[in-house]
C-alpha atoms as a PDB file:
ATOM      1  CA  MET A   1      -5.845   2.120  11.456  1.00  0.00           C
ATOM      2  CA  GLU A   2      -5.984   1.693   8.452  1.00  0.00           C
ATOM      3  CA  LYS A   3      -8.603   3.171   5.619  1.00  0.00           C
ATOM      4  CA  GLN A   4      -9.684   1.607   2.112  1.00  0.00           C
ATOM      5  CA  THR A   5     -10.022   4.312  -0.818  1.00  0.00           C
ATOM      6  CA  ILE A   6     -13.822   4.283  -1.894  1.00  0.00           C
ATOM      7  CA  ASN A   7     -15.587   5.200  -5.464  1.00  0.00           C
ATOM      8  CA  ILE A   8     -17.815   7.956  -4.726  1.00  0.00           C
ATOM      9  CA  ILE A   9     -20.767   9.487  -7.270  1.00  0.00           C
ATOM     10  CA  ILE A  10     -21.519  13.111  -6.846  1.00  0.00           C
ATOM     11  CA  GLY A  11     -23.654  14.834  -9.893  1.00  0.00           C
ATOM     12  CA  GLY A  12     -22.638  11.686 -11.710  1.00  0.00           C
ATOM     13  CA  ARG A  13     -18.842  12.117 -11.406  1.00  0.00           C
ATOM     14  CA  SER A  14     -16.463   9.027  -9.321  1.00  0.00           C
ATOM     15  CA  TYR A  15     -14.955  10.298  -6.373  1.00  0.00           C
ATOM     16  CA  LYS A  16     -12.584   8.166  -4.963  1.00  0.00           C
ATOM     17  CA  PHE A  17     -12.897   8.909  -0.506  1.00  0.00           C
ATOM     18  CA  GLN A  18     -10.325   7.422   1.737  1.00  0.00           C
ATOM     19  CA  VAL A  19     -12.167   6.237   4.911  1.00  0.00           C
ATOM     20  CA  ALA A  20     -12.011   4.860   8.332  1.00  0.00           C
ATOM     21  CA  PRO A  21     -13.778   1.354   7.678  1.00  0.00           C
ATOM     22  CA  GLU A  22     -16.290   2.533  10.903  1.00  0.00           C
ATOM     23  CA  ASN A  23     -16.835   6.264   8.348  1.00  0.00           C
ATOM     24  CA  GLU A  24     -16.955   4.068   5.055  1.00  0.00           C
ATOM     25  CA  SER A  25     -21.150   3.627   6.191  1.00  0.00           C
ATOM     26  CA  ARG A  26     -21.754   7.835   6.735  1.00  0.00           C
ATOM     27  CA  VAL A  27     -20.023   8.681   3.516  1.00  0.00           C
ATOM     28  CA  ARG A  28     -22.159   6.253   1.431  1.00  0.00           C
ATOM     29  CA  ALA A  29     -25.163   7.807   3.137  1.00  0.00           C
ATOM     30  CA  ALA A  30     -23.785  11.504   2.569  1.00  0.00           C
ATOM     31  CA  ALA A  31     -22.964  11.058  -1.147  1.00  0.00           C
ATOM     32  CA  LYS A  32     -26.605   9.208  -1.156  1.00  0.00           C
ATOM     33  CA  ARG A  33     -28.286  12.034   0.107  1.00  0.00           C
ATOM     34  CA  ILE A  34     -26.584  14.478  -2.054  1.00  0.00           C
ATOM     35  CA  GLU A  35     -26.855  12.652  -4.933  1.00  0.00           C
ATOM     36  CA  SER A  36     -30.249  12.426  -4.771  1.00  0.00           C
ATOM     37  CA  LYS A  37     -31.310  16.148  -3.810  1.00  0.00           C
ATOM     38  CA  VAL A  38     -29.342  16.247  -6.740  1.00  0.00           C
ATOM     39  CA  THR A  39     -31.562  14.408  -9.270  1.00  0.00           C
ATOM     40  CA  SER A  40     -34.142  16.093  -7.986  1.00  0.00           C
ATOM     41  CA  TYR A  41     -33.030  19.454  -8.447  1.00  0.00           C
ATOM     42  CA  LEU A  42     -32.109  18.406 -12.289  1.00  0.00           C
ATOM     43  CA  GLN A  43     -35.639  17.714 -12.024  1.00  0.00           C
ATOM     44  CA  ARG A  44     -36.696  21.213 -10.987  1.00  0.00           C
ATOM     45  CA  TYR A  45     -34.587  23.192 -13.579  1.00  0.00           C
ATOM     46  CA  GLU A  46     -33.819  21.382 -16.131  1.00  0.00           C
ATOM     47  CA  ASN A  47     -32.433  24.848 -17.797  1.00  0.00           C
ATOM     48  CA  LYS A  48     -28.904  24.303 -15.652  1.00  0.00           C
ATOM     49  CA  ASP A  49     -26.240  23.487 -16.261  1.00  0.00           C
ATOM     50  CA  MET A  50     -24.290  21.227 -12.948  1.00  0.00           C
ATOM     51  CA  GLN A  51     -22.791  23.815 -11.346  1.00  0.00           C
ATOM     52  CA  ASP A  52     -25.611  25.331 -10.594  1.00  0.00           C
ATOM     53  CA  ILE A  53     -27.321  22.126  -9.355  1.00  0.00           C
ATOM     54  CA  LEU A  54     -24.297  21.335  -6.664  1.00  0.00           C
ATOM     55  CA  SER A  55     -24.017  24.897  -5.773  1.00  0.00           C
ATOM     56  CA  ILE A  56     -28.120  25.069  -4.919  1.00  0.00           C
ATOM     57  CA  VAL A  57     -27.914  21.325  -3.375  1.00  0.00           C
ATOM     58  CA  LEU A  58     -24.638  22.995  -1.181  1.00  0.00           C
ATOM     59  CA  LEU A  59     -26.881  25.940  -0.213  1.00  0.00           C
ATOM     60  CA  ASP A  60     -29.924  24.177   0.787  1.00  0.00           C
ATOM     61  CA  THR A  61     -27.802  21.245   3.031  1.00  0.00           C
ATOM     62  CA  THR A  62     -25.572  24.248   5.005  1.00  0.00           C
ATOM     63  CA  LEU A  63     -29.180  25.571   5.136  1.00  0.00           C
ATOM     64  CA  SER A  64     -30.751  22.341   6.901  1.00  0.00           C
ATOM     65  CA  LEU A  65     -27.864  22.463   9.321  1.00  0.00           C
ATOM     66  CA  VAL A  66     -28.182  26.243  10.372  1.00  0.00           C
ATOM     67  CA  SER A  67     -31.513  25.354  11.221  1.00  0.00           C
ATOM     68  CA  LEU A  68     -30.049  22.363  13.328  1.00  0.00           C
ATOM     69  CA  GLU A  69     -27.545  24.547  15.014  1.00  0.00           C
ATOM     70  CA  ASN A  70     -29.999  26.934  14.765  1.00  0.00           C
ATOM     71  CA  LYS A  71     -32.589  24.284  17.262  1.00  0.00           C
ATOM     72  CA  ASP A  72     -29.659  22.760  19.469  1.00  0.00           C
ATOM     73  CA  GLU A  73     -28.488  26.418  20.887  1.00  0.00           C
ATOM     74  CA  ILE A  74     -32.215  27.070  21.249  1.00  0.00           C
ATOM     75  CA  SER A  75     -32.708  24.663  23.028  1.00  0.00           C
ATOM     76  CA  GLU A  76     -29.421  24.876  25.742  1.00  0.00           C
ATOM     77  CA  GLY A  77     -30.184  28.212  25.835  1.00  0.00           C
ATOM     78  CA  MET A  78     -34.157  26.697  27.196  1.00  0.00           C
ATOM     79  CA  GLY A  79     -31.899  24.603  29.782  1.00  0.00           C
ATOM     80  CA  GLN A  80     -30.909  27.200  31.680  1.00  0.00           C
ATOM     81  CA  LEU A  81     -33.758  29.049  32.513  1.00  0.00           C
END
């Protein structure tokens, strides 16, 4: 399957990605969510530079992922009872 090039902006910087057409909407949605968090944290922490903001966004996003994984593990454990 042929990939296409899309342009994503995160933290004011432009990035080009090669994605399969069926993944484009997910990549764009993820970038939009990241950019929304960047904007939110920039407003809260005006004195932080972009590196700090991106680190905070990464931590926040990863914490959400870990929380979801833990919920899945609990659900699987409950199903085994």
